[in-house]
Amino acid sequence: MNNLSLKIKMFLKNKNTVTIICGLLAIAVLYIGYNWRLRSSIDPIRVPYALDTIDPRTEITKDMIGYRDVAKASVTSDVITNVNALIDKYVNANTVIPKGSMFYKGTVVSKDELPDSALYDMPLDETLYYLGVNITTSYFNTILPGNYIDIYVQTITTDVDGSKKVMVGKLLSNVLVRAVKTSNGLNVFETSDEARIPATIIFSVKEDLHLLLRKAASIGNLSDEYRVDIIPVPNTTGFDGNSTEGVVTKVTSEYLKNFIEERSIYIPEEELEDPTFNNNNNTDNNEDVDNETNND
């Protein structure tokens, strides 16, 4: 054993021997590493792809997805390889996924990440209302989608003697904001790269309240006698962390409601669709003309 041990030590002390051994080890490492990289790039990987063209804002479902094997080297870091990252997600608003294409990060987003995502959950019995605002009336961008606001109405009435009367009150409470847009229709809060100025707050209300707001906005356009301003005011509903389930938008001032209703007229849809409606009006007008003729 001592002789063997001595021979090994002498063998290793030989510089030529050590150089040859190190060279062989280096070649072995390079060979193994090269073959591993080659196998890794050639070995196929299973990836999902679009069976057909998928339009923007479309929800991705299982029947839209196919699978195929591709060389691992052709799969870049932005390709989505896990199908669980696709199911129940949406195609981004500015993207079309062509038929046969793989899915890429940035082209697929969650529902909450879609622009105007709040509009997707709008109840069927509600109607959108677009309220014009500016940086001041939007409280310097503190009214956000998902917030609740109250709707105030300010009326300025001009009497026959030229004097003016101002009336201000809260008309509606707990109105859910669904989107805030710029004058170009862009979402104010979808990017932090640029400062966007709000021009419109979008919310939805029941049809009777939608008509009430339309009437209020129209009163000031009909006569110089009245001016009506619709003013959004943030409230703290939901800010305490409690659930907002069961929060209802409601009229808070019957006096203001009656003031608006008394100065406007609403024709029900069934009367507008009634072909005899205009005929009846024409008949009334003809009778007036006949009476004037007879009086002459």
C-alpha atoms as a PDB file:
ATOM      1  CA  MET A   1       0.000   0.000   0.000  1.00  0.00           C
ATOM      2  CA  ASN A   2       2.843   2.371   0.842  1.00  0.00           C
ATOM      3  CA  ASN A   3       4.479   1.709  -2.520  1.00  0.00           C
ATOM      4  CA  LEU A   4       1.196   2.384  -4.339  1.00  0.00           C
ATOM      5  CA  SER A   5       0.652   5.579  -2.464  1.00  0.00           C
ATOM      6  CA  LEU A   6       4.184   6.719  -3.225  1.00  0.00           C
ATOM      7  CA  LYS A   7       3.778   5.952  -6.916  1.00  0.00           C
ATOM      8  CA  ILE A   8       0.539   8.000  -7.072  1.00  0.00           C
ATOM      9  CA  LYS A   9       2.189  10.965  -5.406  1.00  0.00           C
ATOM     10  CA  MET A  10       5.113  10.837  -7.796  1.00  0.00           C
ATOM     11  CA  PHE A  11       2.725  10.498 -10.743  1.00  0.00           C
ATOM     12  CA  LEU A  12       0.800  13.589  -9.681  1.00  0.00           C
ATOM     13  CA  LYS A  13       3.972  15.569  -9.104  1.00  0.00           C
ATOM     14  CA  ASN A  14       4.846  15.175 -12.736  1.00  0.00           C
ATOM     15  CA  LYS A  15       3.875  18.473 -14.394  1.00  0.00           C
ATOM     16  CA  ASN A  16       3.245  16.897 -17.758  1.00  0.00           C
ATOM     17  CA  THR A  17       0.886  14.379 -16.214  1.00  0.00           C
ATOM     18  CA  VAL A  18      -1.084  17.068 -14.367  1.00  0.00           C
ATOM     19  CA  THR A  19      -1.340  19.177 -17.545  1.00  0.00           C
ATOM     20  CA  ILE A  20      -2.677  16.214 -19.518  1.00  0.00           C
ATOM     21  CA  ILE A  21      -5.233  15.377 -16.828  1.00  0.00           C
ATOM     22  CA  CYS A  22      -6.464  19.001 -16.608  1.00  0.00           C
ATOM     23  CA  GLY A  23      -6.713  19.184 -20.371  1.00  0.00           C
ATOM     24  CA  LEU A  24      -8.764  16.004 -20.522  1.00  0.00           C
ATOM     25  CA  LEU A  25     -11.052  17.251 -17.775  1.00  0.00           C
ATOM     26  CA  ALA A  26     -11.567  20.560 -19.585  1.00  0.00           C
ATOM     27  CA  ILE A  27     -12.388  18.753 -22.829  1.00  0.00           C
ATOM     28  CA  ALA A  28     -14.856  16.535 -20.967  1.00  0.00           C
ATOM     29  CA  VAL A  29     -16.566  19.525 -19.366  1.00  0.00           C
ATOM     30  CA  LEU A  30     -16.815  21.343 -22.687  1.00  0.00           C
ATOM     31  CA  TYR A  31     -18.154  18.239 -24.415  1.00  0.00           C
ATOM     32  CA  ILE A  32     -20.775  17.584 -21.747  1.00  0.00           C
ATOM     33  CA  GLY A  33     -21.804  21.256 -21.597  1.00  0.00           C
ATOM     34  CA  TYR A  34     -22.055  21.532 -25.378  1.00  0.00           C
ATOM     35  CA  ASN A  35     -24.187  18.409 -25.645  1.00  0.00           C
ATOM     36  CA  TRP A  36     -26.423  19.610 -22.825  1.00  0.00           C
ATOM     37  CA  ARG A  37     -26.966  23.005 -24.507  1.00  0.00           C
ATOM     38  CA  LEU A  38     -27.542  21.347 -27.858  1.00  0.00           C
ATOM     39  CA  ARG A  39     -30.048  18.925 -26.403  1.00  0.00           C
ATOM     40  CA  SER A  40     -31.783  21.749 -24.527  1.00  0.00           C
ATOM     41  CA  SER A  41     -32.222  23.817 -27.683  1.00  0.00           C
ATOM     42  CA  ILE A  42     -33.330  20.898 -29.831  1.00  0.00           C
ATOM     43  CA  ASP A  43     -35.607  19.195 -27.319  1.00  0.00           C
ATOM     44  CA  PRO A  44     -39.206  20.183 -28.077  1.00  0.00           C
ATOM     45  CA  ILE A  45     -41.355  22.084 -25.613  1.00  0.00           C
ATOM     46  CA  ARG A  46     -45.153  22.050 -25.612  1.00  0.00           C
ATOM     47  CA  VAL A  47     -46.710  25.524 -25.986  1.00  0.00           C
ATOM     48  CA  PRO A  48     -50.305  26.769 -26.397  1.00  0.00           C
ATOM     49  CA  TYR A  49     -51.353  28.661 -29.530  1.00  0.00           C
ATOM     50  CA  ALA A  50     -54.510  30.310 -30.889  1.00  0.00           C
ATOM     51  CA  LEU A  51     -56.743  27.980 -32.889  1.00  0.00           C
ATOM     52  CA  ASP A  52     -58.371  30.985 -34.559  1.00  0.00           C
ATOM     53  CA  THR A  53     -57.974  34.769 -34.619  1.00  0.00           C
ATOM     54  CA  ILE A  54     -58.942  36.284 -31.255  1.00  0.00           C
ATOM     55  CA  ASP A  55     -60.165  39.870 -31.241  1.00  0.00           C
ATOM     56  CA  PRO A  56     -59.345  42.553 -28.664  1.00  0.00           C
ATOM     57  CA  ARG A  57     -61.159  42.415 -25.307  1.00  0.00           C
ATOM     58  CA  THR A  58     -62.183  38.785 -25.915  1.00  0.00           C
ATOM     59  CA  GLU A  59     -62.178  36.366 -23.007  1.00  0.00           C
ATOM     60  CA  ILE A  60     -59.862  33.412 -23.677  1.00  0.00           C
ATOM     61  CA  THR A  61     -61.463  30.010 -23.152  1.00  0.00           C
ATOM     62  CA  LYS A  62     -60.186  26.424 -23.473  1.00  0.00           C
ATOM     63  CA  ASP A  63     -61.791  25.877 -26.873  1.00  0.00           C
ATOM     64  CA  MET A  64     -59.705  28.733 -28.337  1.00  0.00           C
ATOM     65  CA  ILE A  65     -56.396  27.075 -27.420  1.00  0.00           C
ATOM     66  CA  GLY A  66     -54.402  24.397 -29.238  1.00  0.00           C
ATOM     67  CA  TYR A  67     -51.019  22.834 -28.372  1.00  0.00           C
ATOM     68  CA  ARG A  68     -47.937  22.054 -30.408  1.00  0.00           C
ATOM     69  CA  ASP A  69     -44.306  21.089 -29.827  1.00  0.00           C
ATOM     70  CA  VAL A  70     -41.659  23.594 -30.874  1.00  0.00           C
ATOM     71  CA  ALA A  71     -37.906  23.765 -30.444  1.00  0.00           C
ATOM     72  CA  LYS A  72     -37.058  25.159 -27.044  1.00  0.00           C
ATOM     73  CA  ALA A  73     -34.605  27.597 -28.625  1.00  0.00           C
ATOM     74  CA  SER A  74     -37.441  29.285 -30.511  1.00  0.00           C
ATOM     75  CA  VAL A  75     -39.421  30.003 -27.350  1.00  0.00           C
ATOM     76  CA  THR A  76     -38.451  33.457 -26.079  1.00  0.00           C
ATOM     77  CA  SER A  77     -38.909  34.651 -22.503  1.00  0.00           C
ATOM     78  CA  ASP A  78     -42.107  36.574 -23.357  1.00  0.00           C
ATOM     79  CA  VAL A  79     -43.947  33.495 -24.677  1.00  0.00           C
ATOM     80  CA  ILE A  80     -46.631  32.124 -22.351  1.00  0.00           C
ATOM     81  CA  THR A  81     -46.065  28.372 -21.950  1.00  0.00           C
ATOM     82  CA  ASN A  82     -48.426  27.701 -19.039  1.00  0.00           C
ATOM     83  CA  VAL A  83     -52.024  27.402 -20.191  1.00  0.00           C
ATOM     84  CA  ASN A  84     -53.253  28.318 -16.705  1.00  0.00           C
ATOM     85  CA  ALA A  85     -51.951  31.816 -17.371  1.00  0.00           C
ATOM     86  CA  LEU A  86     -54.421  32.088 -20.288  1.00  0.00           C
ATOM     87  CA  ILE A  87     -57.724  30.608 -19.164  1.00  0.00           C
ATOM     88  CA  ASP A  88     -60.278  33.264 -18.149  1.00  0.00           C
ATOM     89  CA  LYS A  89     -57.903  36.058 -19.169  1.00  0.00           C
ATOM     90  CA  TYR A  90     -58.620  38.640 -21.894  1.00  0.00           C
ATOM     91  CA  VAL A  91     -56.896  39.788 -25.074  1.00  0.00           C
ATOM     92  CA  ASN A  92     -55.589  43.299 -24.493  1.00  0.00           C
ATOM     93  CA  ALA A  93     -57.610  46.209 -25.877  1.00  0.00           C
ATOM     94  CA  ASN A  94     -55.035  47.156 -28.496  1.00  0.00           C
ATOM     95  CA  THR A  95     -54.148  43.617 -29.606  1.00  0.00           C
ATOM     96  CA  VAL A  96     -55.335  40.969 -32.060  1.00  0.00           C
ATOM     97  CA  ILE A  97     -53.945  37.452 -31.629  1.00  0.00           C
ATOM     98  CA  PRO A  98     -53.685  35.897 -35.120  1.00  0.00           C
ATOM     99  CA  LYS A  99     -54.667  32.335 -35.886  1.00  0.00           C
ATOM    100  CA  GLY A 100     -51.762  29.978 -35.162  1.00  0.00           C
ATOM    101  CA  SER A 101     -49.871  32.512 -33.047  1.00  0.00           C
ATOM    102  CA  MET A 102     -48.371  31.733 -29.687  1.00  0.00           C
ATOM    103  CA  PHE A 103     -49.520  33.840 -26.739  1.00  0.00           C
ATOM    104  CA  TYR A 104     -47.185  36.576 -25.522  1.00  0.00           C
ATOM    105  CA  LYS A 105     -46.964  38.501 -22.284  1.00  0.00           C
ATOM    106  CA  GLY A 106     -48.538  41.930 -22.657  1.00  0.00           C
ATOM    107  CA  THR A 107     -51.119  40.691 -25.151  1.00  0.00           C
ATOM    108  CA  VAL A 108     -53.028  38.832 -22.430  1.00  0.00           C
ATOM    109  CA  VAL A 109     -54.335  40.640 -19.359  1.00  0.00           C
ATOM    110  CA  SER A 110     -56.740  40.057 -16.512  1.00  0.00           C
ATOM    111  CA  LYS A 111     -60.219  41.543 -16.652  1.00  0.00           C
ATOM    112  CA  ASP A 112     -59.285  44.236 -14.135  1.00  0.00           C
ATOM    113  CA  GLU A 113     -56.401  45.361 -16.353  1.00  0.00           C
ATOM    114  CA  LEU A 114     -58.639  46.043 -19.341  1.00  0.00           C
ATOM    115  CA  PRO A 115     -59.440  49.676 -20.086  1.00  0.00           C
ATOM    116  CA  ASP A 116     -63.066  50.354 -19.114  1.00  0.00           C
ATOM    117  CA  SER A 117     -63.134  47.101 -17.195  1.00  0.00           C
ATOM    118  CA  ALA A 118     -65.793  48.547 -14.898  1.00  0.00           C
ATOM    119  CA  LEU A 119     -68.206  48.823 -17.825  1.00  0.00           C
ATOM    120  CA  TYR A 120     -68.200  45.036 -18.234  1.00  0.00           C
ATOM    121  CA  ASP A 121     -70.043  44.554 -14.940  1.00  0.00           C
ATOM    122  CA  MET A 122     -72.688  47.202 -15.567  1.00  0.00           C
ATOM    123  CA  PRO A 123     -76.181  45.936 -14.637  1.00  0.00           C
ATOM    124  CA  LEU A 124     -78.504  45.337 -17.582  1.00  0.00           C
ATOM    125  CA  ASP A 125     -81.164  47.669 -16.183  1.00  0.00           C
ATOM    126  CA  GLU A 126     -78.821  50.660 -15.960  1.00  0.00           C
ATOM    127  CA  THR A 127     -77.846  53.298 -18.515  1.00  0.00           C
ATOM    128  CA  LEU A 128     -74.539  55.099 -18.914  1.00  0.00           C
ATOM    129  CA  TYR A 129     -74.319  58.813 -18.239  1.00  0.00           C
ATOM    130  CA  TYR A 130     -71.375  60.934 -19.372  1.00  0.00           C
ATOM    131  CA  LEU A 131     -70.769  63.958 -17.166  1.00  0.00           C
ATOM    132  CA  GLY A 132     -68.380  66.623 -18.399  1.00  0.00           C
ATOM    133  CA  VAL A 133     -65.733  67.700 -15.891  1.00  0.00           C
ATOM    134  CA  ASN A 134     -62.385  69.452 -15.732  1.00  0.00           C
ATOM    135  CA  ILE A 135     -59.377  69.165 -13.448  1.00  0.00           C
ATOM    136  CA  THR A 136     -61.124  71.272 -10.786  1.00  0.00           C
ATOM    137  CA  THR A 137     -64.575  69.646 -10.826  1.00  0.00           C
ATOM    138  CA  SER A 138     -62.918  66.217 -10.794  1.00  0.00           C
ATOM    139  CA  TYR A 139     -61.233  67.262  -7.562  1.00  0.00           C
ATOM    140  CA  PHE A 140     -57.792  67.182  -9.162  1.00  0.00           C
ATOM    141  CA  ASN A 141     -57.999  63.561 -10.267  1.00  0.00           C
ATOM    142  CA  THR A 142     -59.224  62.227  -6.938  1.00  0.00           C
ATOM    143  CA  ILE A 143     -62.413  60.760  -8.455  1.00  0.00           C
ATOM    144  CA  LEU A 144     -61.380  57.295  -9.622  1.00  0.00           C
ATOM    145  CA  PRO A 145     -63.216  54.381 -11.255  1.00  0.00           C
ATOM    146  CA  GLY A 146     -64.745  52.288  -8.495  1.00  0.00           C
ATOM    147  CA  ASN A 147     -65.314  55.290  -6.229  1.00  0.00           C
ATOM    148  CA  TYR A 148     -68.752  56.490  -5.163  1.00  0.00           C
ATOM    149  CA  ILE A 149     -69.865  60.065  -5.695  1.00  0.00           C
ATOM    150  CA  ASP A 150     -72.910  62.168  -4.889  1.00  0.00           C
ATOM    151  CA  ILE A 151     -74.572  64.267  -7.566  1.00  0.00           C
ATOM    152  CA  TYR A 152     -75.404  67.847  -6.611  1.00  0.00           C
ATOM    153  CA  VAL A 153     -77.496  70.231  -8.690  1.00  0.00           C
ATOM    154  CA  GLN A 154     -77.074  73.994  -8.721  1.00  0.00           C
ATOM    155  CA  THR A 155     -79.813  76.088 -10.322  1.00  0.00           C
ATOM    156  CA  ILE A 156     -79.703  79.793 -11.044  1.00  0.00           C
ATOM    157  CA  THR A 157     -83.123  81.327 -11.697  1.00  0.00           C
ATOM    158  CA  THR A 158     -83.561  84.793 -13.206  1.00  0.00           C
ATOM    159  CA  ASP A 159     -86.721  86.633 -12.159  1.00  0.00           C
ATOM    160  CA  VAL A 160     -88.601  89.088 -14.369  1.00  0.00           C
ATOM    161  CA  ASP A 161     -86.952  91.979 -12.532  1.00  0.00           C
ATOM    162  CA  GLY A 162     -83.519  90.610 -13.393  1.00  0.00           C
ATOM    163  CA  SER A 163     -82.677  89.377  -9.903  1.00  0.00           C
ATOM    164  CA  LYS A 164     -81.137  85.939  -9.582  1.00  0.00           C
ATOM    165  CA  LYS A 165     -81.796  83.136  -7.133  1.00  0.00           C
ATOM    166  CA  VAL A 166     -79.375  80.270  -6.508  1.00  0.00           C
ATOM    167  CA  MET A 167     -80.463  76.862  -5.277  1.00  0.00           C
ATOM    168  CA  VAL A 168     -77.973  74.092  -4.470  1.00  0.00           C
ATOM    169  CA  GLY A 169     -78.751  70.626  -3.173  1.00  0.00           C
ATOM    170  CA  LYS A 170     -77.853  66.960  -3.358  1.00  0.00           C
ATOM    171  CA  LEU A 171     -79.965  65.169  -5.948  1.00  0.00           C
ATOM    172  CA  LEU A 172     -78.478  61.643  -5.928  1.00  0.00           C
ATOM    173  CA  SER A 173     -76.338  59.729  -3.456  1.00  0.00           C
ATOM    174  CA  ASN A 174     -73.939  56.790  -3.904  1.00  0.00           C
ATOM    175  CA  VAL A 175     -73.365  56.809  -7.659  1.00  0.00           C
ATOM    176  CA  LEU A 176     -70.643  54.361  -8.727  1.00  0.00           C
ATOM    177  CA  VAL A 177     -67.999  55.812 -11.064  1.00  0.00           C
ATOM    178  CA  ARG A 178     -67.199  53.380 -13.884  1.00  0.00           C
ATOM    179  CA  ALA A 179     -64.583  55.283 -15.908  1.00  0.00           C
ATOM    180  CA  VAL A 180     -62.815  58.624 -16.160  1.00  0.00           C
ATOM    181  CA  LYS A 181     -61.829  59.742 -19.677  1.00  0.00           C
ATOM    182  CA  THR A 182     -59.785  62.455 -21.325  1.00  0.00           C
ATOM    183  CA  SER A 183     -61.158  64.602 -24.138  1.00  0.00           C
ATOM    184  CA  ASN A 184     -59.621  62.076 -26.565  1.00  0.00           C
ATOM    185  CA  GLY A 185     -61.423  59.152 -24.960  1.00  0.00           C
ATOM    186  CA  LEU A 186     -58.346  57.791 -23.171  1.00  0.00           C
ATOM    187  CA  ASN A 187     -58.577  56.371 -19.678  1.00  0.00           C
ATOM    188  CA  VAL A 188     -57.088  58.875 -17.266  1.00  0.00           C
ATOM    189  CA  PHE A 189     -55.656  56.296 -14.871  1.00  0.00           C
ATOM    190  CA  GLU A 190     -54.474  53.509 -17.217  1.00  0.00           C
ATOM    191  CA  THR A 191     -50.889  54.837 -17.292  1.00  0.00           C
ATOM    192  CA  SER A 192     -48.513  56.597 -14.958  1.00  0.00           C
ATOM    193  CA  ASP A 193     -46.149  57.652 -17.744  1.00  0.00           C
ATOM    194  CA  GLU A 194     -48.096  60.792 -18.587  1.00  0.00           C
ATOM    195  CA  ALA A 195     -50.375  63.239 -16.811  1.00  0.00           C
ATOM    196  CA  ARG A 196     -53.874  63.030 -18.293  1.00  0.00           C
ATOM    197  CA  ILE A 197     -56.539  65.667 -17.769  1.00  0.00           C
ATOM    198  CA  PRO A 198     -60.063  64.352 -17.027  1.00  0.00           C
ATOM    199  CA  ALA A 199     -62.841  65.563 -19.312  1.00  0.00           C
ATOM    200  CA  THR A 200     -65.639  63.075 -18.624  1.00  0.00           C
ATOM    201  CA  ILE A 201     -66.789  60.992 -15.682  1.00  0.00           C
ATOM    202  CA  ILE A 202     -68.816  57.950 -16.721  1.00  0.00           C
ATOM    203  CA  PHE A 203     -71.315  56.331 -14.384  1.00  0.00           C
ATOM    204  CA  SER A 204     -74.495  54.313 -14.750  1.00  0.00           C
ATOM    205  CA  VAL A 205     -77.878  54.703 -13.083  1.00  0.00           C
ATOM    206  CA  LYS A 206     -81.386  53.301 -13.421  1.00  0.00           C
ATOM    207  CA  GLU A 207     -83.286  54.606 -16.425  1.00  0.00           C
ATOM    208  CA  ASP A 208     -85.579  56.885 -14.402  1.00  0.00           C
ATOM    209  CA  LEU A 209     -82.554  58.585 -12.805  1.00  0.00           C
ATOM    210  CA  HIS A 210     -80.816  58.763 -16.174  1.00  0.00           C
ATOM    211  CA  LEU A 211     -83.824  60.622 -17.585  1.00  0.00           C
ATOM    212  CA  LEU A 212     -83.892  62.902 -14.542  1.00  0.00           C
ATOM    213  CA  LEU A 213     -80.267  63.915 -15.147  1.00  0.00           C
ATOM    214  CA  ARG A 214     -80.957  64.438 -18.865  1.00  0.00           C
ATOM    215  CA  LYS A 215     -83.851  66.709 -18.022  1.00  0.00           C
ATOM    216  CA  ALA A 216     -81.766  68.668 -15.543  1.00  0.00           C
ATOM    217  CA  ALA A 217     -78.988  69.155 -18.114  1.00  0.00           C
ATOM    218  CA  SER A 218     -81.491  70.277 -20.752  1.00  0.00           C
ATOM    219  CA  ILE A 219     -83.372  72.875 -18.707  1.00  0.00           C
ATOM    220  CA  GLY A 220     -80.638  75.462 -19.001  1.00  0.00           C
ATOM    221  CA  ASN A 221     -80.546  75.044 -22.778  1.00  0.00           C
ATOM    222  CA  LEU A 222     -84.228  75.811 -23.239  1.00  0.00           C
ATOM    223  CA  SER A 223     -84.421  79.275 -21.765  1.00  0.00           C
ATOM    224  CA  ASP A 224     -82.330  82.101 -20.368  1.00  0.00           C
ATOM    225  CA  GLU A 225     -84.547  81.928 -17.306  1.00  0.00           C
ATOM    226  CA  TYR A 226     -82.748  78.925 -15.829  1.00  0.00           C
ATOM    227  CA  ARG A 227     -79.217  77.638 -15.556  1.00  0.00           C
ATOM    228  CA  VAL A 228     -78.601  74.167 -14.163  1.00  0.00           C
ATOM    229  CA  ASP A 229     -75.198  72.712 -13.276  1.00  0.00           C
ATOM    230  CA  ILE A 230     -74.668  69.048 -12.389  1.00  0.00           C
ATOM    231  CA  ILE A 231     -71.801  68.716  -9.903  1.00  0.00           C
ATOM    232  CA  PRO A 232     -70.033  65.471  -8.850  1.00  0.00           C
ATOM    233  CA  VAL A 233     -68.874  65.334  -5.230  1.00  0.00           C
ATOM    234  CA  PRO A 234     -66.796  62.421  -3.830  1.00  0.00           C
ATOM    235  CA  ASN A 235     -68.122  60.583  -0.811  1.00  0.00           C
ATOM    236  CA  THR A 236     -66.499  58.048   1.513  1.00  0.00           C
ATOM    237  CA  THR A 237     -68.668  55.011   0.747  1.00  0.00           C
ATOM    238  CA  GLY A 238     -66.408  51.960   0.826  1.00  0.00           C
ATOM    239  CA  PHE A 239     -63.409  53.870   2.171  1.00  0.00           C
ATOM    240  CA  ASP A 240     -63.754  52.201   5.595  1.00  0.00           C
ATOM    241  CA  GLY A 241     -62.946  48.820   4.070  1.00  0.00           C
ATOM    242  CA  ASN A 242     -66.454  47.481   4.533  1.00  0.00           C
ATOM    243  CA  SER A 243     -68.275  45.749   1.701  1.00  0.00           C
ATOM    244  CA  THR A 244     -70.279  47.997  -0.631  1.00  0.00           C
ATOM    245  CA  GLU A 245     -72.739  45.212  -1.397  1.00  0.00           C
ATOM    246  CA  GLY A 246     -76.262  46.543  -1.051  1.00  0.00           C
ATOM    247  CA  VAL A 247     -75.268  50.188  -1.604  1.00  0.00           C
ATOM    248  CA  VAL A 248     -78.051  51.756  -3.678  1.00  0.00           C
ATOM    249  CA  THR A 249     -78.138  54.943  -5.725  1.00  0.00           C
ATOM    250  CA  LYS A 250     -81.152  56.978  -4.656  1.00  0.00           C
ATOM    251  CA  VAL A 251     -82.772  60.383  -4.909  1.00  0.00           C
ATOM    252  CA  THR A 252     -82.030  62.469  -1.818  1.00  0.00           C
ATOM    253  CA  SER A 253     -84.126  65.551  -2.592  1.00  0.00           C
ATOM    254  CA  GLU A 254     -87.713  65.235  -3.762  1.00  0.00           C
ATOM    255  CA  TYR A 255     -87.868  69.018  -3.958  1.00  0.00           C
ATOM    256  CA  LEU A 256     -85.057  69.153  -6.527  1.00  0.00           C
ATOM    257  CA  LYS A 257     -86.546  66.224  -8.396  1.00  0.00           C
ATOM    258  CA  ASN A 258     -89.937  67.942  -8.623  1.00  0.00           C
ATOM    259  CA  PHE A 259     -88.267  71.211  -9.626  1.00  0.00           C
ATOM    260  CA  ILE A 260     -86.648  69.427 -12.595  1.00  0.00           C
ATOM    261  CA  GLU A 261     -89.720  67.379 -13.502  1.00  0.00           C
ATOM    262  CA  GLU A 262     -92.007  70.426 -13.503  1.00  0.00           C
ATOM    263  CA  ARG A 263     -89.794  72.201 -16.024  1.00  0.00           C
ATOM    264  CA  SER A 264     -89.474  69.342 -18.492  1.00  0.00           C
ATOM    265  CA  ILE A 265     -91.634  66.869 -20.357  1.00  0.00           C
ATOM    266  CA  TYR A 266     -91.109  63.195 -20.994  1.00  0.00           C
ATOM    267  CA  ILE A 267     -92.837  61.281 -23.788  1.00  0.00           C
ATOM    268  CA  PRO A 268     -92.976  57.521 -23.070  1.00  0.00           C
ATOM    269  CA  GLU A 269     -91.468  55.217 -25.675  1.00  0.00           C
ATOM    270  CA  GLU A 270     -94.797  53.562 -26.357  1.00  0.00           C
ATOM    271  CA  GLU A 271     -96.247  56.911 -27.425  1.00  0.00           C
ATOM    272  CA  LEU A 272     -93.277  57.697 -29.635  1.00  0.00           C
ATOM    273  CA  GLU A 273     -93.702  54.320 -31.313  1.00  0.00           C
ATOM    274  CA  ASP A 274     -97.460  54.787 -31.661  1.00  0.00           C
ATOM    275  CA  PRO A 275     -98.153  55.807 -35.294  1.00  0.00           C
ATOM    276  CA  THR A 276    -101.292  57.660 -34.174  1.00  0.00           C
ATOM    277  CA  PHE A 277     -99.295  59.940 -31.843  1.00  0.00           C
ATOM    278  CA  ASN A 278     -98.186  62.363 -34.546  1.00  0.00           C
ATOM    279  CA  ASN A 279    -101.526  62.043 -36.307  1.00  0.00           C
ATOM    280  CA  ASN A 280    -103.318  63.078 -33.141  1.00  0.00           C
ATOM    281  CA  ASN A 281    -101.045  66.073 -32.814  1.00  0.00           C
ATOM    282  CA  ASN A 282    -101.641  66.978 -36.447  1.00  0.00           C
ATOM    283  CA  THR A 283    -105.387  66.645 -35.935  1.00  0.00           C
ATOM    284  CA  ASP A 284    -105.213  69.008 -32.985  1.00  0.00           C
ATOM    285  CA  ASN A 285    -103.245  71.485 -35.039  1.00  0.00           C
ATOM    286  CA  ASN A 286    -105.719  71.226 -37.924  1.00  0.00           C
ATOM    287  CA  GLU A 287    -108.606  71.863 -35.553  1.00  0.00           C
ATOM    288  CA  ASP A 288    -106.860  74.988 -34.312  1.00  0.00           C
ATOM    289  CA  VAL A 289    -106.430  76.187 -37.887  1.00  0.00           C
ATOM    290  CA  ASP A 290    -110.107  75.477 -38.707  1.00  0.00           C
ATOM    291  CA  ASN A 291    -111.239  77.389 -35.646  1.00  0.00           C
ATOM    292  CA  GLU A 292    -109.101  80.362 -36.590  1.00  0.00           C
ATOM    293  CA  THR A 293    -110.548  80.252 -40.123  1.00  0.00           C
ATOM    294  CA  ASN A 294    -114.106  80.131 -38.843  1.00  0.00           C
ATOM    295  CA  ASN A 295    -113.438  82.991 -36.477  1.00  0.00           C
ATOM    296  CA  ASP A 296    -112.174  85.068 -39.370  1.00  0.00           C
END
